[in-house]
Amino acid sequence: MATSPFKFLQEVREETRKVTWPSRKETMITTAMVFVMVAIASVFFLVADQFIRIAVTFVLGIGT
């Protein structure tokens, strides 16, 4: 069953009105949380990568 483009856009607008959009404050807090979590994950993976590098170098005996 085909729907006309006009009817489709009308339905999209109706659904968009039902959405509860976050406030500016909620958006800023969420964005800050994402940046903090990215920084924490970056530090974790840096430390894990360095530990694995040291372990592999020690096991293979290719260190100086």
PDB file of N, CA and C in Angstrom:
ATOM      1  N   MET A   1       0.845  -1.182   0.000  1.00  0.00           N
ATOM      2  CA  MET A   1       0.000   0.000   0.000  1.00  0.00           C
ATOM      3  C   MET A   1       0.890   1.245   0.000  1.00  0.00           C
ATOM      4  N   ALA A   2       0.732   2.067  -0.988  1.00  0.00           N
ATOM      5  CA  ALA A   2       1.556   3.263  -1.134  1.00  0.00           C
ATOM      6  C   ALA A   2       0.904   4.455  -0.428  1.00  0.00           C
ATOM      7  N   THR A   3       1.742   5.241   0.225  1.00  0.00           N
ATOM      8  CA  THR A   3       1.290   6.452   0.897  1.00  0.00           C
ATOM      9  C   THR A   3       1.837   7.643   0.134  1.00  0.00           C
ATOM     10  N   SER A   4       1.018   8.644  -0.033  1.00  0.00           N
ATOM     11  CA  SER A   4       1.474   9.818  -0.773  1.00  0.00           C
ATOM     12  C   SER A   4       2.526  10.571   0.047  1.00  0.00           C
ATOM     13  N   PRO A   5       3.463  11.243  -0.617  1.00  0.00           N
ATOM     14  CA  PRO A   5       4.486  12.006   0.102  1.00  0.00           C
ATOM     15  C   PRO A   5       3.884  13.073   1.018  1.00  0.00           C
ATOM     16  N   PHE A   6       2.789  13.688   0.613  1.00  0.00           N
ATOM     17  CA  PHE A   6       2.146  14.706   1.435  1.00  0.00           C
ATOM     18  C   PHE A   6       1.626  14.095   2.735  1.00  0.00           C
ATOM     19  N   LYS A   7       0.960  12.945   2.636  1.00  0.00           N
ATOM     20  CA  LYS A   7       0.422  12.275   3.825  1.00  0.00           C
ATOM     21  C   LYS A   7       1.570  11.830   4.730  1.00  0.00           C
ATOM     22  N   PHE A   8       2.639  11.338   4.132  1.00  0.00           N
ATOM     23  CA  PHE A   8       3.802  10.911   4.913  1.00  0.00           C
ATOM     24  C   PHE A   8       4.368  12.078   5.722  1.00  0.00           C
ATOM     25  N   LEU A   9       4.576  13.221   5.086  1.00  0.00           N
ATOM     26  CA  LEU A   9       5.098  14.395   5.786  1.00  0.00           C
ATOM     27  C   LEU A   9       4.147  14.879   6.870  1.00  0.00           C
ATOM     28  N   GLN A  10       2.876  14.774   6.620  1.00  0.00           N
ATOM     29  CA  GLN A  10       1.878  15.168   7.619  1.00  0.00           C
ATOM     30  C   GLN A  10       1.986  14.265   8.854  1.00  0.00           C
ATOM     31  N   GLU A  11       2.141  12.956   8.630  1.00  0.00           N
ATOM     32  CA  GLU A  11       2.281  12.008   9.740  1.00  0.00           C
ATOM     33  C   GLU A  11       3.588  12.238  10.501  1.00  0.00           C
ATOM     34  N   VAL A  12       4.643  12.573   9.779  1.00  0.00           N
ATOM     35  CA  VAL A  12       5.926  12.857  10.422  1.00  0.00           C
ATOM     36  C   VAL A  12       5.785  14.074  11.334  1.00  0.00           C
ATOM     37  N   ARG A  13       5.133  15.107  10.872  1.00  0.00           N
ATOM     38  CA  ARG A  13       4.928  16.305  11.702  1.00  0.00           C
ATOM     39  C   ARG A  13       4.109  15.981  12.947  1.00  0.00           C
ATOM     40  N   GLU A  14       3.093  15.139  12.798  1.00  0.00           N
ATOM     41  CA  GLU A  14       2.265  14.751  13.945  1.00  0.00           C
ATOM     42  C   GLU A  14       3.109  13.990  14.974  1.00  0.00           C
ATOM     43  N   GLU A  15       3.947  13.087  14.527  1.00  0.00           N
ATOM     44  CA  GLU A  15       4.798  12.315  15.439  1.00  0.00           C
ATOM     45  C   GLU A  15       5.841  13.214  16.096  1.00  0.00           C
ATOM     46  N   THR A  16       6.357  14.186  15.354  1.00  0.00           N
ATOM     47  CA  THR A  16       7.359  15.102  15.905  1.00  0.00           C
ATOM     48  C   THR A  16       6.774  15.935  17.032  1.00  0.00           C
ATOM     49  N   ARG A  17       5.519  16.279  16.943  1.00  0.00           N
ATOM     50  CA  ARG A  17       4.863  17.047  18.011  1.00  0.00           C
ATOM     51  C   ARG A  17       4.765  16.247  19.305  1.00  0.00           C
ATOM     52  N   LYS A  18       4.746  14.918  19.219  1.00  0.00           N
ATOM     53  CA  LYS A  18       4.627  14.056  20.394  1.00  0.00           C
ATOM     54  C   LYS A  18       5.946  13.903  21.152  1.00  0.00           C
ATOM     55  N   VAL A  19       7.045  14.259  20.506  1.00  0.00           N
ATOM     56  CA  VAL A  19       8.362  14.072  21.105  1.00  0.00           C
ATOM     57  C   VAL A  19       8.559  15.053  22.256  1.00  0.00           C
ATOM     58  N   THR A  20       9.119  14.550  23.354  1.00  0.00           N
ATOM     59  CA  THR A  20       9.479  15.411  24.478  1.00  0.00           C
ATOM     60  C   THR A  20      10.946  15.787  24.309  1.00  0.00           C
ATOM     61  N   TRP A  21      11.207  17.021  23.921  1.00  0.00           N
ATOM     62  CA  TRP A  21      12.562  17.455  23.656  1.00  0.00           C
ATOM     63  C   TRP A  21      13.254  17.838  24.968  1.00  0.00           C
ATOM     64  N   PRO A  22      14.548  17.531  25.097  1.00  0.00           N
ATOM     65  CA  PRO A  22      15.263  17.899  26.331  1.00  0.00           C
ATOM     66  C   PRO A  22      15.466  19.414  26.404  1.00  0.00           C
ATOM     67  N   SER A  23      15.578  19.891  27.635  1.00  0.00           N
ATOM     68  CA  SER A  23      15.832  21.319  27.825  1.00  0.00           C
ATOM     69  C   SER A  23      17.304  21.606  27.505  1.00  0.00           C
ATOM     70  N   ARG A  24      17.640  22.878  27.429  1.00  0.00           N
ATOM     71  CA  ARG A  24      19.024  23.263  27.149  1.00  0.00           C
ATOM     72  C   ARG A  24      19.943  22.764  28.262  1.00  0.00           C
ATOM     73  N   LYS A  25      19.475  22.867  29.519  1.00  0.00           N
ATOM     74  CA  LYS A  25      20.276  22.430  30.658  1.00  0.00           C
ATOM     75  C   LYS A  25      20.531  20.913  30.581  1.00  0.00           C
ATOM     76  N   GLU A  26      19.492  20.136  30.278  1.00  0.00           N
ATOM     77  CA  GLU A  26      19.655  18.686  30.154  1.00  0.00           C
ATOM     78  C   GLU A  26      20.634  18.329  29.037  1.00  0.00           C
ATOM     79  N   THR A  27      20.560  19.052  27.940  1.00  0.00           N
ATOM     80  CA  THR A  27      21.464  18.804  26.820  1.00  0.00           C
ATOM     81  C   THR A  27      22.908  19.105  27.203  1.00  0.00           C
ATOM     82  N   MET A  28      23.125  20.210  27.910  1.00  0.00           N
ATOM     83  CA  MET A  28      24.485  20.578  28.327  1.00  0.00           C
ATOM     84  C   MET A  28      25.049  19.555  29.320  1.00  0.00           C
ATOM     85  N   ILE A  29      24.224  19.117  30.283  1.00  0.00           N
ATOM     86  CA  ILE A  29      24.677  18.134  31.266  1.00  0.00           C
ATOM     87  C   ILE A  29      25.026  16.810  30.580  1.00  0.00           C
ATOM     88  N   THR A  30      24.172  16.380  29.683  1.00  0.00           N
ATOM     89  CA  THR A  30      24.417  15.124  28.968  1.00  0.00           C
ATOM     90  C   THR A  30      25.679  15.219  28.116  1.00  0.00           C
ATOM     91  N   THR A  31      25.870  16.338  27.455  1.00  0.00           N
ATOM     92  CA  THR A  31      27.068  16.538  26.644  1.00  0.00           C
ATOM     93  C   THR A  31      28.319  16.504  27.511  1.00  0.00           C
ATOM     94  N   ALA A  32      28.276  17.163  28.660  1.00  0.00           N
ATOM     95  CA  ALA A  32      29.423  17.147  29.575  1.00  0.00           C
ATOM     96  C   ALA A  32      29.708  15.730  30.057  1.00  0.00           C
ATOM     97  N   MET A  33      28.663  14.973  30.369  1.00  0.00           N
ATOM     98  CA  MET A  33      28.846  13.591  30.811  1.00  0.00           C
ATOM     99  C   MET A  33      29.505  12.747  29.729  1.00  0.00           C
ATOM    100  N   VAL A  34      29.113  12.960  28.487  1.00  0.00           N
ATOM    101  CA  VAL A  34      29.714  12.220  27.380  1.00  0.00           C
ATOM    102  C   VAL A  34      31.204  12.546  27.279  1.00  0.00           C
ATOM    103  N   PHE A  35      31.562  13.833  27.360  1.00  0.00           N
ATOM    104  CA  PHE A  35      32.975  14.212  27.280  1.00  0.00           C
ATOM    105  C   PHE A  35      33.778  13.624  28.437  1.00  0.00           C
ATOM    106  N   VAL A  36      33.214  13.618  29.641  1.00  0.00           N
ATOM    107  CA  VAL A  36      33.909  13.041  30.799  1.00  0.00           C
ATOM    108  C   VAL A  36      34.116  11.546  30.596  1.00  0.00           C
ATOM    109  N   MET A  37      33.089  10.844  30.132  1.00  0.00           N
ATOM    110  CA  MET A  37      33.210   9.399  29.918  1.00  0.00           C
ATOM    111  C   MET A  37      34.217   9.087  28.814  1.00  0.00           C
ATOM    112  N   VAL A  38      34.256   9.901  27.780  1.00  0.00           N
ATOM    113  CA  VAL A  38      35.245   9.705  26.709  1.00  0.00           C
ATOM    114  C   VAL A  38      36.651   9.897  27.258  1.00  0.00           C
ATOM    115  N   ALA A  39      36.854  10.910  28.092  1.00  0.00           N
ATOM    116  CA  ALA A  39      38.176  11.144  28.688  1.00  0.00           C
ATOM    117  C   ALA A  39      38.584   9.972  29.575  1.00  0.00           C
ATOM    118  N   ILE A  40      37.656   9.480  30.400  1.00  0.00           N
ATOM    119  CA  ILE A  40      37.955   8.344  31.271  1.00  0.00           C
ATOM    120  C   ILE A  40      38.288   7.105  30.447  1.00  0.00           C
ATOM    121  N   ALA A  41      37.504   6.839  29.406  1.00  0.00           N
ATOM    122  CA  ALA A  41      37.761   5.682  28.545  1.00  0.00           C
ATOM    123  C   ALA A  41      39.108   5.827  27.840  1.00  0.00           C
ATOM    124  N   SER A  42      39.448   7.029  27.408  1.00  0.00           N
ATOM    125  CA  SER A  42      40.725   7.264  26.730  1.00  0.00           C
ATOM    126  C   SER A  42      41.893   6.961  27.657  1.00  0.00           C
ATOM    127  N   VAL A  43      41.825   7.426  28.885  1.00  0.00           N
ATOM    128  CA  VAL A  43      42.894   7.167  29.856  1.00  0.00           C
ATOM    129  C   VAL A  43      42.989   5.672  30.148  1.00  0.00           C
ATOM    130  N   PHE A  44      41.838   5.020  30.330  1.00  0.00           N
ATOM    131  CA  PHE A  44      41.829   3.584  30.597  1.00  0.00           C
ATOM    132  C   PHE A  44      42.511   2.817  29.470  1.00  0.00           C
ATOM    133  N   PHE A  45      42.133   3.110  28.226  1.00  0.00           N
ATOM    134  CA  PHE A  45      42.707   2.377  27.103  1.00  0.00           C
ATOM    135  C   PHE A  45      44.179   2.720  26.891  1.00  0.00           C
ATOM    136  N   LEU A  46      44.582   3.941  27.209  1.00  0.00           N
ATOM    137  CA  LEU A  46      45.996   4.297  27.140  1.00  0.00           C
ATOM    138  C   LEU A  46      46.793   3.450  28.123  1.00  0.00           C
ATOM    139  N   VAL A  47      46.312   3.372  29.366  1.00  0.00           N
ATOM    140  CA  VAL A  47      47.002   2.585  30.394  1.00  0.00           C
ATOM    141  C   VAL A  47      47.005   1.102  30.020  1.00  0.00           C
ATOM    142  N   ALA A  48      45.862   0.583  29.572  1.00  0.00           N
ATOM    143  CA  ALA A  48      45.777  -0.827  29.190  1.00  0.00           C
ATOM    144  C   ALA A  48      46.718  -1.126  28.027  1.00  0.00           C
ATOM    145  N   ASP A  49      46.773  -0.231  27.046  1.00  0.00           N
ATOM    146  CA  ASP A  49      47.650  -0.422  25.893  1.00  0.00           C
ATOM    147  C   ASP A  49      49.119  -0.428  26.316  1.00  0.00           C
ATOM    148  N   GLN A  50      49.500   0.479  27.199  1.00  0.00           N
ATOM    149  CA  GLN A  50      50.885   0.533  27.664  1.00  0.00           C
ATOM    150  C   GLN A  50      51.237  -0.728  28.454  1.00  0.00           C
ATOM    151  N   PHE A  51      50.322  -1.197  29.291  1.00  0.00           N
ATOM    152  CA  PHE A  51      50.549  -2.416  30.061  1.00  0.00           C
ATOM    153  C   PHE A  51      50.729  -3.608  29.128  1.00  0.00           C
ATOM    154  N   ILE A  52      49.874  -3.734  28.125  1.00  0.00           N
ATOM    155  CA  ILE A  52      49.985  -4.848  27.170  1.00  0.00           C
ATOM    156  C   ILE A  52      51.289  -4.742  26.390  1.00  0.00           C
ATOM    157  N   ARG A  53      51.687  -3.527  25.987  1.00  0.00           N
ATOM    158  CA  ARG A  53      52.942  -3.342  25.264  1.00  0.00           C
ATOM    159  C   ARG A  53      54.124  -3.797  26.108  1.00  0.00           C
ATOM    160  N   ILE A  54      54.140  -3.410  27.374  1.00  0.00           N
ATOM    161  CA  ILE A  54      55.230  -3.797  28.274  1.00  0.00           C
ATOM    162  C   ILE A  54      55.242  -5.309  28.463  1.00  0.00           C
ATOM    163  N   ALA A  55      54.069  -5.913  28.662  1.00  0.00           N
ATOM    164  CA  ALA A  55      53.978  -7.362  28.860  1.00  0.00           C
ATOM    165  C   ALA A  55      54.459  -8.123  27.634  1.00  0.00           C
ATOM    166  N   VAL A  56      54.036  -7.700  26.452  1.00  0.00           N
ATOM    167  CA  VAL A  56      54.444  -8.387  25.215  1.00  0.00           C
ATOM    168  C   VAL A  56      55.936  -8.216  24.994  1.00  0.00           C
ATOM    169  N   THR A  57      56.457  -7.028  25.219  1.00  0.00           N
ATOM    170  CA  THR A  57      57.892  -6.781  25.061  1.00  0.00           C
ATOM    171  C   THR A  57      58.692  -7.667  26.028  1.00  0.00           C
ATOM    172  N   PHE A  58      58.205  -7.803  27.247  1.00  0.00           N
ATOM    173  CA  PHE A  58      58.893  -8.640  28.242  1.00  0.00           C
ATOM    174  C   PHE A  58      58.826 -10.109  27.827  1.00  0.00           C
ATOM    175  N   VAL A  59      57.667 -10.587  27.424  1.00  0.00           N
ATOM    176  CA  VAL A  59      57.516 -11.994  27.052  1.00  0.00           C
ATOM    177  C   VAL A  59      58.342 -12.350  25.835  1.00  0.00           C
ATOM    178  N   LEU A  60      58.368 -11.463  24.847  1.00  0.00           N
ATOM    179  CA  LEU A  60      59.115 -11.752  23.627  1.00  0.00           C
ATOM    180  C   LEU A  60      60.597 -11.427  23.761  1.00  0.00           C
ATOM    181  N   GLY A  61      60.977 -10.741  24.820  1.00  0.00           N
ATOM    182  CA  GLY A  61      62.378 -10.427  25.057  1.00  0.00           C
ATOM    183  C   GLY A  61      62.961  -9.477  24.039  1.00  0.00           C
ATOM    184  N   ILE A  62      62.153  -8.585  23.525  1.00  0.00           N
ATOM    185  CA  ILE A  62      62.662  -7.656  22.510  1.00  0.00           C
ATOM    186  C   ILE A  62      62.925  -6.272  23.098  1.00  0.00           C
ATOM    187  N   GLY A  63      62.816  -6.160  24.420  1.00  0.00           N
ATOM    188  CA  GLY A  63      63.067  -4.878  25.063  1.00  0.00           C
ATOM    189  C   GLY A  63      64.559  -4.617  25.186  1.00  0.00           C
ATOM    190  N   THR A  64      64.896  -3.385  25.414  1.00  0.00           N
ATOM    191  CA  THR A  64      66.313  -3.050  25.567  1.00  0.00           C
ATOM    192  C   THR A  64      66.745  -3.179  27.003  1.00  0.00           C
TER     193      THR A  64
END
